[in-house]
Amino acid sequence: MNSAATDGIGLAYTADSYAAPYLANGRLQRVLADWCPPFPGFYLYYPGRRQISAALRALIDALKVA
C-alpha cells in the first residue's frame, strides 16, 4: 500500500510504524488525521463459541496480554 501511495495511485490506510519512514522523508503525508485517532494496540475478535479449534486457541493464548 505504501508503494502504491508513493507512486501516486491513491491513499493508503496503514499502521504508523509502516508509514513512518515515508512520512519522515516527505514521500507521504497524513490526511484525515481527525478520523484516525491512535489506539494503544491491536485487538483480536473471534467467535465466542465453546468449540474453537486448537490452532485458534493457541493463537489467542499467545497473543493475550496479561
Protein backbone atom coordinates (compact mmCIF):
# COMPACT_ATOMS: atom_id res chain seq x y z
CA MET A 1 0.00 0.00 0.00
CA ASN A 2 2.80 2.39 0.83
CA SER A 3 4.40 1.80 -2.55
CA ALA A 4 1.12 2.45 -4.33
CA ALA A 5 0.58 5.65 -2.35
CA THR A 6 4.11 6.93 -3.01
CA ASP A 7 3.62 6.15 -6.71
CA GLY A 8 0.57 8.42 -6.70
CA ILE A 9 -2.05 5.72 -7.19
CA GLY A 10 -4.16 6.72 -4.17
CA LEU A 11 -4.45 6.78 -0.41
CA ALA A 12 -3.13 4.11 1.94
CA TYR A 13 -4.56 3.17 5.33
CA THR A 14 -1.66 1.62 7.17
CA ALA A 15 -0.08 1.40 10.59
CA ASP A 16 2.10 4.30 11.70
CA SER A 17 5.10 2.02 12.06
CA TYR A 18 4.94 1.11 8.35
CA ALA A 19 4.36 4.67 7.18
CA ALA A 20 6.88 6.39 9.50
CA PRO A 21 9.86 6.34 7.10
CA TYR A 22 7.74 7.70 4.25
CA LEU A 23 6.24 10.38 6.49
CA ALA A 24 9.69 11.38 7.75
CA ASN A 25 11.17 11.88 4.29
CA GLY A 26 8.06 13.60 2.95
CA ARG A 27 7.05 10.97 0.41
CA LEU A 28 3.72 10.54 2.24
CA GLN A 29 1.61 12.96 4.21
CA ARG A 30 -1.22 12.40 6.66
CA VAL A 31 -4.75 13.04 5.52
CA LEU A 32 -7.95 12.76 7.56
CA ALA A 33 -5.93 12.62 10.80
CA ASP A 34 -9.03 13.56 12.81
CA TRP A 35 -10.74 10.39 11.55
CA CYS A 36 -7.90 8.05 12.50
CA PRO A 37 -7.12 8.52 16.18
CA PRO A 38 -4.26 6.45 17.58
CA PHE A 39 -5.07 3.44 19.71
CA PRO A 40 -2.97 1.58 22.27
CA GLY A 41 -2.70 -1.71 20.40
CA PHE A 42 -4.32 -4.33 18.26
CA TYR A 43 -7.44 -6.30 19.08
CA LEU A 44 -8.42 -9.82 18.15
CA TYR A 45 -12.06 -10.60 17.53
CA TYR A 46 -13.05 -14.24 17.36
CA PRO A 47 -16.23 -16.27 17.77
CA GLY A 48 -17.11 -16.92 21.39
CA ARG A 49 -18.11 -20.49 20.74
CA ARG A 50 -17.12 -23.18 23.15
CA GLN A 51 -15.62 -25.42 20.47
CA ILE A 52 -12.89 -23.42 18.80
CA SER A 53 -10.02 -25.13 17.04
CA ALA A 54 -6.82 -25.92 18.89
CA ALA A 55 -4.90 -23.69 16.49
CA LEU A 56 -7.12 -20.69 17.21
CA ARG A 57 -6.92 -21.37 20.96
CA ALA A 58 -3.10 -21.44 20.72
CA LEU A 59 -3.09 -18.14 18.79
CA ILE A 60 -5.40 -16.49 21.34
CA ASP A 61 -3.26 -17.69 24.23
CA ALA A 62 -0.07 -16.50 22.52
CA LEU A 63 -1.48 -13.03 21.82
CA LYS A 64 -3.04 -12.36 25.21
CA VAL A 65 -1.52 -9.57 27.19
CA ALA A 66 -1.81 -10.32 30.86
